[in-house]
Amino acid sequence: MPLYKTKHINSTTQILVWKVTESYAELLEQVVLNGSNRIRLDGMKSEMHQRAFLSVRKLLQETGHTDLDLYYDEFGKPHLQGEKHISITHSHNFSAIIISDETVGIDIELQRDKIIRIADKFCDSEFQFLDVDSDEYIRKLTVIWGAKEAIFKIRNEKGISFKDHISVEEFRVNVKQTDAKLQFNNLVKDFNIHFEEIEDFTLVYAFEN
């Protein structure tokens, strides 16, 4: 399938989403890979992960970049050659990237009942505004998880706990934005959180203030 969605957040930030319907062979034929990432691809045991990995390279090519412009630091965080910031995410048959002049993170998650069972592992102060009996409970938990995942991708520091160090402010699903805070060691950072729903998935992206 071609590009599923492109969204220009502002003059320096864009999000691209890909819905993976192609086979592994079709995607591999259409992308350029550097040597180290070809080794990474070959080492993946799941074809779903391989297809997601390749679809991210398709998204890069949509922005005028290629895999040759992408590199990972010692903590596994992706970077683009030059001034732009990039964050990458994929879940099941969706992949997405955000590219910006600002510091950004992105996450996409499938909405599913399973998240209820692990809510106390990543929520703390958020339980003050969550209603477990609401039909929006799973949707809100998915936003909270995605927000914390996006923030973690920005900071990418060992020891950060989603439950203990990142808090998400109260929000309404139809407003599609909120704020969050990271407090870790001597670091305090505020983030603007934006989200939207795509089919049965929640896409969340964070900007560091």
Protein backbone atom coordinates (compact mmCIF):
# COMPACT_ATOMS: atom_id res chain seq x y z
CA MET A 1 0.00 0.00 0.00
CA PRO A 2 1.23 3.51 -0.63
CA LEU A 3 1.71 6.05 2.14
CA TYR A 4 -1.29 5.88 4.50
CA LYS A 5 -1.10 9.41 5.88
CA THR A 6 1.09 12.51 5.92
CA LYS A 7 0.55 15.21 8.50
CA HIS A 8 2.37 18.55 8.65
CA ILE A 9 2.27 19.65 12.28
CA ASN A 10 4.02 22.94 11.58
CA SER A 11 6.53 24.32 9.10
CA THR A 12 9.36 22.19 10.52
CA THR A 13 7.60 19.01 11.66
CA GLN A 14 5.94 16.24 9.67
CA ILE A 15 4.52 12.81 10.49
CA LEU A 16 4.21 9.99 7.98
CA VAL A 17 2.27 6.78 8.54
CA TRP A 18 2.52 3.56 6.51
CA LYS A 19 0.06 0.68 6.57
CA VAL A 20 2.04 -2.45 5.77
CA THR A 21 0.28 -4.62 3.22
CA GLU A 22 3.29 -5.51 1.06
CA SER A 23 5.25 -8.71 1.33
CA TYR A 24 8.78 -8.77 2.70
CA ALA A 25 10.14 -9.31 -0.82
CA GLU A 26 8.20 -6.38 -2.26
CA LEU A 27 9.43 -4.00 0.41
CA LEU A 28 13.03 -5.21 0.24
CA GLU A 29 13.07 -4.56 -3.50
CA GLN A 30 12.00 -0.94 -3.00
CA VAL A 31 14.41 0.30 -0.34
CA VAL A 32 18.10 1.07 0.05
CA LEU A 33 19.83 -0.28 3.16
CA ASN A 34 23.22 0.46 4.65
CA GLY A 35 25.39 -2.49 5.59
CA SER A 36 24.75 -2.50 9.34
CA ASN A 37 21.00 -2.23 8.93
CA ARG A 38 20.99 -5.06 6.41
CA ILE A 39 22.65 -7.18 9.08
CA ARG A 40 20.00 -6.06 11.60
CA LEU A 41 17.25 -6.96 9.14
CA ASP A 42 18.68 -10.40 8.46
CA GLY A 43 18.91 -11.06 12.20
CA MET A 44 15.21 -10.45 12.83
CA LYS A 45 13.28 -13.66 13.50
CA SER A 46 9.81 -12.24 12.83
CA GLU A 47 8.76 -11.37 9.29
CA MET A 48 6.33 -8.84 10.76
CA HIS A 49 9.28 -7.00 12.33
CA GLN A 50 11.22 -7.21 9.08
CA ARG A 51 8.33 -5.72 7.13
CA ALA A 52 7.89 -2.97 9.73
CA PHE A 53 11.62 -2.21 9.58
CA LEU A 54 11.48 -1.93 5.78
CA SER A 55 8.30 0.14 5.81
CA VAL A 56 10.08 2.71 7.97
CA ARG A 57 12.70 2.97 5.19
CA LYS A 58 9.87 3.54 2.72
CA LEU A 59 8.69 6.41 4.90
CA LEU A 60 12.21 7.84 4.98
CA GLN A 61 12.33 7.76 1.20
CA GLU A 62 9.02 9.64 1.09
CA THR A 63 10.76 12.53 2.89
CA GLY A 64 13.73 12.58 0.53
CA HIS A 65 16.00 10.65 2.90
CA THR A 66 17.22 7.08 2.75
CA ASP A 67 18.50 4.51 5.20
CA LEU A 68 21.97 5.82 4.41
CA ASP A 69 21.04 9.05 6.25
CA LEU A 70 19.94 7.14 9.36
CA TYR A 71 22.16 5.98 12.19
CA TYR A 72 21.68 4.76 15.76
CA ASP A 73 23.61 5.89 18.81
CA GLU A 74 24.98 3.59 21.52
CA PHE A 75 21.57 3.52 23.25
CA GLY A 76 19.72 2.52 20.08
CA LYS A 77 18.19 5.94 19.48
CA PRO A 78 17.81 6.83 15.78
CA HIS A 79 19.31 10.01 14.32
CA LEU A 80 19.35 11.63 10.91
CA GLN A 81 22.50 13.08 9.44
CA GLY A 82 22.22 16.87 9.77
CA GLU A 83 20.06 19.04 12.00
CA LYS A 84 16.73 17.18 11.93
CA HIS A 85 15.40 15.06 14.79
CA ILE A 86 13.66 11.76 14.03
CA SER A 87 11.61 9.26 16.01
CA ILE A 88 10.33 5.91 14.73
CA THR A 89 7.53 3.59 15.79
CA HIS A 90 5.68 0.54 14.55
CA SER A 91 2.96 -1.75 15.84
CA HIS A 92 1.50 -4.71 13.96
CA ASN A 93 0.74 -3.44 10.45
CA PHE A 94 1.35 0.28 11.05
CA SER A 95 4.60 2.21 11.01
CA ALA A 96 5.19 5.92 11.55
CA ILE A 97 8.00 8.45 11.73
CA ILE A 98 8.18 12.03 12.88
CA ILE A 99 10.87 14.37 11.55
CA SER A 100 11.34 17.83 13.04
CA ASP A 101 13.69 20.67 13.84
CA GLU A 102 12.42 20.24 17.42
CA THR A 103 13.09 17.44 19.89
CA VAL A 104 10.30 14.91 19.33
CA GLY A 105 9.19 11.37 20.07
CA ILE A 106 6.45 9.21 18.57
CA ASP A 107 4.63 5.98 19.40
CA ILE A 108 1.80 3.98 17.87
CA GLU A 109 -0.10 1.32 19.82
CA LEU A 110 -2.95 -1.07 19.13
CA GLN A 111 -5.87 -0.48 21.48
CA ARG A 112 -6.53 -3.74 23.32
CA ASP A 113 -7.89 -5.11 26.59
CA LYS A 114 -4.47 -6.36 27.63
CA ILE A 115 -3.44 -2.86 28.68
CA ILE A 116 -5.92 -2.96 31.59
CA ARG A 117 -3.93 -5.77 33.23
CA ILE A 118 -0.69 -3.78 33.19
CA ALA A 119 -2.11 -0.31 33.95
CA ASP A 120 -0.67 -0.26 37.49
CA LYS A 121 2.77 -0.88 36.02
CA PHE A 122 2.87 2.45 34.17
CA CYS A 123 0.18 4.65 35.77
CA ASP A 124 0.24 6.37 39.16
CA SER A 125 -1.12 9.93 39.41
CA GLU A 126 -3.18 9.26 36.27
CA PHE A 127 -5.56 7.03 38.26
CA GLN A 128 -6.92 10.24 39.83
CA PHE A 129 -8.68 11.09 36.57
CA LEU A 130 -9.17 7.64 35.01
CA ASP A 131 -12.56 5.97 35.29
CA VAL A 132 -12.21 2.20 35.08
CA ASP A 133 -15.90 1.86 34.21
CA SER A 134 -15.76 4.31 31.32
CA ASP A 135 -15.95 3.07 27.73
CA GLU A 136 -12.93 5.35 27.15
CA TYR A 137 -10.74 3.59 29.72
CA ILE A 138 -8.72 1.51 27.26
CA ARG A 139 -8.41 4.43 24.86
CA LYS A 140 -7.10 6.71 27.61
CA LEU A 141 -4.67 4.09 28.93
CA THR A 142 -3.33 3.70 25.39
CA VAL A 143 -2.76 7.45 25.14
CA ILE A 144 -0.94 7.48 28.49
CA TRP A 145 1.28 4.55 27.53
CA GLY A 146 2.03 6.12 24.13
CA ALA A 147 2.86 9.48 25.72
CA LYS A 148 5.29 7.90 28.16
CA GLU A 149 6.85 5.78 25.42
CA ALA A 150 7.31 8.88 23.21
CA ILE A 151 8.93 10.80 26.09
CA PHE A 152 11.20 7.88 26.89
CA LYS A 153 12.30 7.81 23.24
CA ILE A 154 13.26 11.48 23.53
CA ARG A 155 15.29 11.12 26.74
CA ASN A 156 16.35 7.49 26.30
CA GLU A 157 18.07 7.29 29.69
CA LYS A 158 18.61 4.11 31.65
CA GLY A 159 16.57 3.93 34.83
CA ILE A 160 13.56 6.00 33.77
CA SER A 161 10.34 4.45 35.10
CA PHE A 162 7.09 5.14 33.25
CA LYS A 163 5.18 4.90 36.56
CA ASP A 164 7.56 6.73 38.89
CA HIS A 165 9.15 9.38 36.69
CA ILE A 166 6.66 10.37 33.97
CA SER A 167 3.22 11.83 34.70
CA VAL A 168 0.50 12.70 32.19
CA GLU A 169 -2.02 15.45 32.92
CA GLU A 170 -5.77 14.90 32.75
CA PHE A 171 -7.17 15.02 29.21
CA ARG A 172 -10.24 14.37 27.11
CA VAL A 173 -10.04 11.94 24.21
CA ASN A 174 -11.82 14.32 21.84
CA VAL A 175 -9.41 17.21 22.60
CA LYS A 176 -6.43 15.14 21.43
CA GLN A 177 -3.75 16.87 23.45
CA THR A 178 -2.38 17.15 26.97
CA ASP A 179 0.82 17.86 28.90
CA ALA A 180 3.27 15.59 30.65
CA LYS A 181 6.26 15.91 32.95
CA LEU A 182 9.43 13.90 33.42
CA GLN A 183 11.14 14.06 36.82
CA PHE A 184 14.22 11.89 36.95
CA ASN A 185 17.20 12.38 39.25
CA ASN A 186 17.82 16.15 39.01
CA LEU A 187 16.10 16.48 35.65
CA VAL A 188 12.67 18.09 35.24
CA LYS A 189 11.25 18.38 31.70
CA ASP A 190 7.83 19.37 30.41
CA PHE A 191 6.28 17.98 27.22
CA ASN A 192 3.37 18.80 24.96
CA ILE A 193 1.50 15.63 24.01
CA HIS A 194 -0.69 15.21 20.93
CA PHE A 195 -2.58 12.11 19.87
CA GLU A 196 -5.05 10.76 17.35
CA GLU A 197 -6.73 7.45 16.59
CA ILE A 198 -6.08 5.58 13.35
CA GLU A 199 -8.40 2.63 12.88
CA ASP A 200 -7.91 0.61 16.10
CA PHE A 201 -4.56 2.25 16.90
CA THR A 202 -3.51 5.32 18.87
CA LEU A 203 -0.73 7.53 17.52
CA VAL A 204 0.95 9.75 20.12
CA TYR A 205 3.70 12.27 19.66
CA ALA A 206 5.55 14.46 22.15
CA PHE A 207 7.44 17.74 21.90
CA GLU A 208 9.97 18.64 24.57
CA ASN A 209 9.42 22.17 25.94
